[in-house]
Amino acid sequence: LKLPSSSSSASCAPFGALPLTTQAMRESSLIRFLACALAATAPLVSYGATSVGTNFLTGVNLGGWLVRENWIFPDEMPPGIDDEWTLIQKLGGPNSKKAKDFMHDHWKSFVTDDDLDALKDFGITHVRIPVGWWLVDYNAADGFVDGGKEHLERVLNALQARGMGAFLDLHALPGAQAHDQCFTGKREKTARFFKEQHMNSRGVRAMLKLAEYIKSMENVPERDSVVRGMELVNEPDVEYTEQTRAMYKKMVPQIRQILKPADRYAILLSFMDPPAQSGPWLSEQIAQGPAHIWFNVIYDRHLYHAYGDDDGAYPWTNYMDSCKTCCRDRAVLQGLGGVPFVVGEWSLTTGTRSKQEHIAPAFLRSFWAEQLSLWKNSGALGSFFWLHKLKARKGQPSYFIPFNLLGLIYGPANLTKPMHLDLSRVCPGKDLSKCPNFDPHSDMTASMPCEWQGQAQFV
């Protein structure tokens, strides 16, 4: 998630004509992945039989847990403490007792058994877990506290015991894969990972080490089937899209040599350029690359109505987000060109800052249902809400509530469980013939305005 600046960037009908090899590869990939899931014992079966419907992942991100972000903990990380690295320095450095005690207390308390029980009861089947490179390639000189693995393994054991699955996401790379973002562990003015060879080499090493760590879990019965895949990097800077593609082309075969067979582990790839650009590129790699390497390589798209979108130059109205979800975002995802994909991050946000959010319970419930209907009918393999929870600012219980799934479930919004929603089609109750025209093959971004034609009918 990019906060507070920058833009992050859905009918079962075909996305358009695809090369036969691409379509065949996609179908083969899904069939083999699901066959493996159904054949495995215990939690893998949830890939093919979730509470939302066949072959759909209903997920949430455990963001802020193993990579802290300042806005998720506003009282613990006030202005001046913009990232986890700075927090650790303020607490005395990575070897200080104060910093170690603080982080271990955080790791124990931010994801609990009660949280996982509540998520499972609500219908969550999978989690995406952001981690930093220091989890698998620790060096105290980097400035982070060691010891997150034992807490990650506790949660992975608990997920497997509940029949849930996990994807490990390398959320932060050495030197930062995106500039001026707290999710990189240490904010940097430039994306040094792409600019400095030693940073790049360490990041590549971390990818391989994370894959080896995941593979090693096959030898631990308590968590031998809980991890379904890994994501090589989160939200790489769009300025370095060509470098990102080159890295993926190089690293996917190397990761697959570790995480095999391919019908056991998915590899998720994050892109920040328009889907109509990166989607067809990935489709081509899948179609032309060796099948034992490139199937179950999945595009990860993040889609929010903020960061220059709802809070951009156009005044917000009650109809804006339904139009964007049911019409514009549907076209954005069609631009992927049929590549297998997940929506790795989304929320109910309508503003880059908390004061810009729209939090009327009826609106939040409608926005929740419509977005889920889009993911479910867009060809997506699943979606992961951002976040499972956050710590509200003292005296502000509604602080960024559109990101707080547990707060949305038990708070005034009282979200409906996915299994109780009508997800049979995109935006039930909306006349999609009233959508404005969007060209999914253009370089669309998720920040274009959208107005229903004759929107008075939706009052």
Foldseek 3Di string as FASTA:
>chain_A
DFFQADAFAFAQDALDDDPPLLVVLQVVLLVLLQVVLCPDPFQSPCCQPFLQHGLAAAAAEAPCQQWHACLLACVLQPPVNGAQLSSLVVQPWQPDPSSQVVNVVSLDPSDDLVLVVVCVVLGHAEYEYEHELCQQVNDSVVTHHYDNVVSVVVVLLSSRVVSHAYEYEHAAFFQGLQAQGRSNRDHHNGSVCLVPPVRVVSLLVSLQRVLQVLLVLCVPVSRNQRYAEYESYPDGYQVCQVVLVVCCLVRQQVSLVRDDQLSRHAYEYEHRFQLLPVLVVLSVCSSPPDSSRNRNHAYEGEHECENQALPNDDPDDLCWLLLLLQAVVLLSLSSSNLGAYEHEEYWQANYSFQVPGDPDLVSLQLSVLQNLLGCVRSNYSYYYYAHCAGDADPPCLCGVVRRHNVCCCPHPNVHHRSSPGPSVHHRPPDDCVQWDDDHSNDRDTSRDTTDGRVCVVVD
